[in-house]
Amino acid sequence: VKEHTGGFGPDLVMECSGFTGAISLGVKMLRIGGRLANVGCVYPGREVAIDASDVALKILTITGLHNYEAKHLGWALDYVYATRSKYPWKEMVSPFFPLTVDGVTEAFKALQERRAVRPAIVEGR
């Protein structure tokens, strides 16, 4: 990332995976004055180890994000649809599981066993 930002690091890191290590890594890679948004680690018991001096010396801002309105999901879906030829959205979500009790169970099992990062539960599969 630093190579692609002229050695400075990104202005913004958005952690959306739920993996606490991504927050620690994000803090390390941010540029001076950078911001980190914690979007994915939203369930209790998720402790994160960060070097407090990174936050102070780089003047970082860390923000949590949760509880959005239904209209925001609609805006996000509109954006994904509008940019479908620009970004490989389908490649970012896999594998797919059917919307059944067994499918949902298997999706969570795949997450737990680290066979999937962003599984999708879909109707009609």
Protein backbone atom coordinates (compact mmCIF):
# COMPACT_ATOMS: atom_id res chain seq x y z
CA VAL A 1 0.00 0.00 0.00
CA LYS A 2 2.81 2.41 0.86
CA GLU A 3 4.32 1.77 -2.58
CA HIS A 4 1.06 2.87 -4.20
CA THR A 5 0.79 6.00 -2.02
CA GLY A 6 4.25 7.43 -2.61
CA GLY A 7 5.50 5.96 0.67
CA PHE A 8 2.98 7.87 2.80
CA GLY A 9 0.23 5.31 3.40
CA PRO A 10 -3.50 5.74 2.87
CA ASP A 11 -5.62 8.62 4.16
CA LEU A 12 -8.40 6.21 5.12
CA VAL A 13 -8.60 2.54 6.08
CA MET A 14 -12.03 0.93 6.34
CA GLU A 15 -12.05 -2.33 8.27
CA CYS A 16 -15.06 -4.27 7.01
CA SER A 17 -13.94 -7.87 7.53
CA GLY A 18 -14.54 -8.36 11.24
CA PHE A 19 -10.89 -9.46 11.63
CA THR A 20 -9.29 -7.46 14.46
CA GLY A 21 -5.85 -7.90 12.92
CA ALA A 22 -7.02 -5.66 10.08
CA ILE A 23 -7.45 -2.80 12.57
CA SER A 24 -3.92 -3.26 13.92
CA LEU A 25 -2.51 -3.42 10.39
CA GLY A 26 -4.60 -0.43 9.32
CA VAL A 27 -3.21 1.71 12.14
CA LYS A 28 0.34 0.75 11.12
CA MET A 29 -0.16 1.62 7.45
CA LEU A 30 -2.05 4.94 7.83
CA ARG A 31 -0.32 8.16 6.91
CA ILE A 32 0.03 11.10 9.31
CA GLY A 33 -3.45 12.49 9.97
CA GLY A 34 -5.06 9.30 8.65
CA ARG A 35 -8.43 7.88 9.66
CA LEU A 36 -9.55 4.34 10.37
CA ALA A 37 -13.22 3.34 10.30
CA ASN A 38 -14.13 0.16 12.18
CA VAL A 39 -17.15 -1.18 10.33
CA GLY A 40 -16.73 -4.95 10.62
CA CYS A 41 -15.81 -5.70 14.25
CA VAL A 42 -19.24 -5.03 15.68
CA TYR A 43 -19.76 -7.89 18.10
CA PRO A 44 -18.66 -8.00 21.76
CA GLY A 45 -15.34 -9.42 22.89
CA ARG A 46 -13.26 -8.25 19.93
CA GLU A 47 -10.14 -6.80 21.53
CA VAL A 48 -7.53 -5.09 19.38
CA ALA A 49 -3.82 -4.61 20.03
CA ILE A 50 -2.50 -1.32 18.66
CA ASP A 51 0.58 0.72 19.47
CA ALA A 52 -0.77 3.85 21.18
CA SER A 53 2.27 5.80 19.99
CA ASP A 54 1.17 5.21 16.37
CA VAL A 55 -2.15 6.89 17.17
CA ALA A 56 -0.52 9.83 18.98
CA LEU A 57 2.52 10.45 16.79
CA LYS A 58 0.63 10.09 13.51
CA ILE A 59 -2.36 12.08 14.84
CA LEU A 60 -4.78 9.33 13.80
CA THR A 61 -8.55 9.26 14.15
CA ILE A 62 -10.28 5.94 14.79
CA THR A 63 -14.05 5.86 14.37
CA GLY A 64 -16.65 3.15 14.76
CA LEU A 65 -19.54 2.84 12.33
CA HIS A 66 -22.75 0.91 12.84
CA ASN A 67 -26.51 1.36 12.83
CA TYR A 68 -27.41 2.70 9.44
CA GLU A 69 -30.87 3.30 8.03
CA ALA A 70 -32.47 1.06 5.40
CA LYS A 71 -32.16 3.83 2.79
CA HIS A 72 -28.37 3.70 3.16
CA LEU A 73 -28.37 0.05 2.13
CA GLY A 74 -30.40 1.05 -0.93
CA TRP A 75 -27.85 3.73 -1.81
CA ALA A 76 -25.04 1.18 -1.43
CA LEU A 77 -26.82 -1.30 -3.70
CA ASP A 78 -27.42 1.44 -6.28
CA TYR A 79 -23.69 2.26 -6.17
CA VAL A 80 -22.67 -1.36 -6.61
CA TYR A 81 -25.04 -1.69 -9.58
CA ALA A 82 -23.86 1.57 -11.17
CA THR A 83 -20.19 0.58 -10.87
CA ARG A 84 -20.57 -3.10 -11.77
CA SER A 85 -18.43 -2.73 -14.92
CA LYS A 86 -15.74 -0.77 -13.07
CA TYR A 87 -15.20 -3.02 -10.02
CA PRO A 88 -15.16 -6.86 -9.75
CA TRP A 89 -17.92 -6.98 -7.11
CA LYS A 90 -18.84 -10.62 -7.80
CA GLU A 91 -15.26 -11.72 -7.13
CA MET A 92 -15.32 -10.09 -3.68
CA VAL A 93 -18.12 -12.30 -2.36
CA SER A 94 -17.91 -16.09 -2.31
CA PRO A 95 -18.80 -18.84 -1.92
CA PHE A 96 -22.57 -18.83 -2.34
CA PHE A 97 -24.92 -20.81 -0.10
CA PRO A 98 -28.67 -21.44 -0.48
CA LEU A 99 -31.17 -19.63 1.72
CA THR A 100 -32.06 -22.75 3.69
CA VAL A 101 -31.35 -23.87 7.25
CA ASP A 102 -28.61 -26.18 5.93
CA GLY A 103 -27.20 -23.46 3.66
CA VAL A 104 -27.00 -20.88 6.45
CA THR A 105 -25.47 -23.47 8.79
CA GLU A 106 -22.87 -24.37 6.17
CA ALA A 107 -22.05 -20.68 5.52
CA PHE A 108 -21.34 -20.08 9.20
CA LYS A 109 -19.35 -23.30 9.41
CA ALA A 110 -17.24 -22.17 6.43
CA LEU A 111 -16.55 -18.88 8.22
CA GLN A 112 -15.63 -20.63 11.45
CA GLU A 113 -13.30 -23.04 9.64
CA ARG A 114 -11.81 -20.16 7.62
CA ARG A 115 -12.87 -21.68 4.30
CA ALA A 116 -14.72 -18.46 3.45
CA VAL A 117 -14.17 -14.77 4.13
CA ARG A 118 -17.33 -13.21 2.65
CA PRO A 119 -19.89 -15.94 1.96
CA ALA A 120 -23.22 -15.02 0.42
CA ILE A 121 -26.55 -16.57 1.31
CA VAL A 122 -28.84 -16.33 -1.70
CA GLU A 123 -32.35 -17.38 -2.57
CA GLY A 124 -32.86 -19.91 -5.34
CA ARG A 125 -29.55 -21.80 -5.21
